[in-house]
Amino acid sequence: MPGQSASGRRRSKAYARLFVQALLQALIAHGEARRIAAFTLEVRVSNAAAIHMYEKFGFLSEGIRPGFYERPREDAVIMWRRQDKI
């Protein structure tokens, strides 16, 4: 974001994180209301912040998907949130 101050970038990241958290919370609630017992997602192995956020929502790492991402090529962590493990 050219011309944006450091505090402005931090604020933008905070808003984005809050949006993703609210969306994830809504999706999980929507799924649970329909008796969906397990949710899965993939995340870049290098994305520690996202992995930590997903863990806060009850997702656990259950494997690695080699070469899942392109540009740059990177493995993905496979994460699951299972109703019986919450």
Protein backbone atom coordinates (compact mmCIF):
# COMPACT_ATOMS: atom_id res chain seq x y z
CA MET A 1 0.00 0.00 0.00
CA PRO A 2 2.06 2.92 -1.23
CA GLY A 3 1.98 6.04 0.89
CA GLN A 4 0.37 4.37 3.88
CA SER A 5 1.95 4.82 7.31
CA ALA A 6 3.12 1.88 9.40
CA SER A 7 0.26 2.42 11.84
CA GLY A 8 -2.19 2.47 8.91
CA ARG A 9 -0.86 -0.87 7.65
CA ARG A 10 -1.15 -2.37 11.14
CA ARG A 11 -4.70 -1.09 11.39
CA SER A 12 -5.54 -2.60 7.99
CA LYS A 13 -4.09 -5.97 9.06
CA ALA A 14 -6.07 -5.81 12.31
CA TYR A 15 -9.30 -5.15 10.41
CA ALA A 16 -8.53 -7.99 8.00
CA ARG A 17 -7.83 -10.37 10.90
CA LEU A 18 -11.08 -9.38 12.64
CA PHE A 19 -13.00 -9.89 9.39
CA VAL A 20 -11.51 -13.36 8.84
CA GLN A 21 -12.19 -14.32 12.46
CA ALA A 22 -15.84 -13.17 12.21
CA LEU A 23 -16.27 -15.01 8.90
CA LEU A 24 -14.75 -18.20 10.29
CA GLN A 25 -16.92 -17.99 13.40
CA ALA A 26 -20.04 -17.53 11.25
CA LEU A 27 -19.13 -20.42 8.93
CA ILE A 28 -18.52 -22.76 11.86
CA ALA A 29 -21.81 -21.75 13.51
CA HIS A 30 -23.66 -22.18 10.20
CA GLY A 31 -22.15 -25.65 9.71
CA GLU A 32 -22.80 -26.77 13.27
CA ALA A 33 -26.43 -25.66 12.97
CA ARG A 34 -26.65 -28.11 10.07
CA ARG A 35 -24.93 -30.84 12.10
CA ILE A 36 -21.67 -30.69 10.21
CA ALA A 37 -19.22 -32.33 12.60
CA ALA A 38 -15.89 -31.66 10.86
CA PHE A 39 -14.29 -28.80 8.99
CA THR A 40 -11.01 -28.83 7.07
CA LEU A 41 -8.69 -26.30 5.49
CA GLU A 42 -5.19 -25.97 4.12
CA VAL A 43 -2.74 -23.21 5.02
CA ARG A 44 0.82 -22.46 3.90
CA VAL A 45 3.38 -23.97 6.29
CA SER A 46 5.05 -20.54 6.49
CA ASN A 47 1.86 -18.76 7.61
CA ALA A 48 2.35 -19.06 11.38
CA ALA A 49 -0.14 -16.28 12.16
CA ALA A 50 -2.96 -18.03 10.28
CA ILE A 51 -2.09 -21.42 11.80
CA HIS A 52 -2.22 -19.87 15.27
CA MET A 53 -5.58 -18.22 14.53
CA TYR A 54 -7.06 -21.48 13.24
CA GLU A 55 -5.80 -23.30 16.34
CA LYS A 56 -7.71 -20.77 18.47
CA PHE A 57 -10.84 -21.92 16.61
CA GLY A 58 -10.16 -25.56 17.45
CA PHE A 59 -8.38 -26.63 14.26
CA LEU A 60 -5.55 -29.14 14.64
CA SER A 61 -2.75 -29.97 12.23
CA GLU A 62 -3.27 -33.46 10.84
CA GLY A 63 -0.80 -33.63 8.01
CA ILE A 64 1.16 -31.96 5.25
CA ARG A 65 0.14 -31.68 1.60
CA PRO A 66 3.50 -31.46 -0.27
CA GLY A 67 3.79 -28.82 -3.00
CA PHE A 68 0.15 -27.75 -2.60
CA TYR A 69 0.76 -24.06 -3.33
CA GLU A 70 2.37 -22.52 -6.40
CA ARG A 71 4.10 -19.14 -6.73
CA PRO A 72 6.02 -19.78 -4.61
CA ARG A 73 5.91 -23.54 -4.39
CA GLU A 74 5.16 -24.48 -0.81
CA ASP A 75 3.66 -27.26 1.28
CA ALA A 76 0.33 -26.88 3.03
CA VAL A 77 -0.62 -27.84 6.56
CA ILE A 78 -3.88 -29.80 6.54
CA MET A 79 -5.98 -28.71 9.50
CA TRP A 80 -9.19 -30.23 10.82
CA ARG A 81 -11.74 -29.09 13.37
CA ARG A 82 -13.74 -32.07 14.55
CA GLN A 83 -16.75 -31.66 16.83
CA ASP A 84 -15.72 -34.59 19.03
CA LYS A 85 -12.33 -32.98 19.78
CA ILE A 86 -13.60 -29.59 20.95
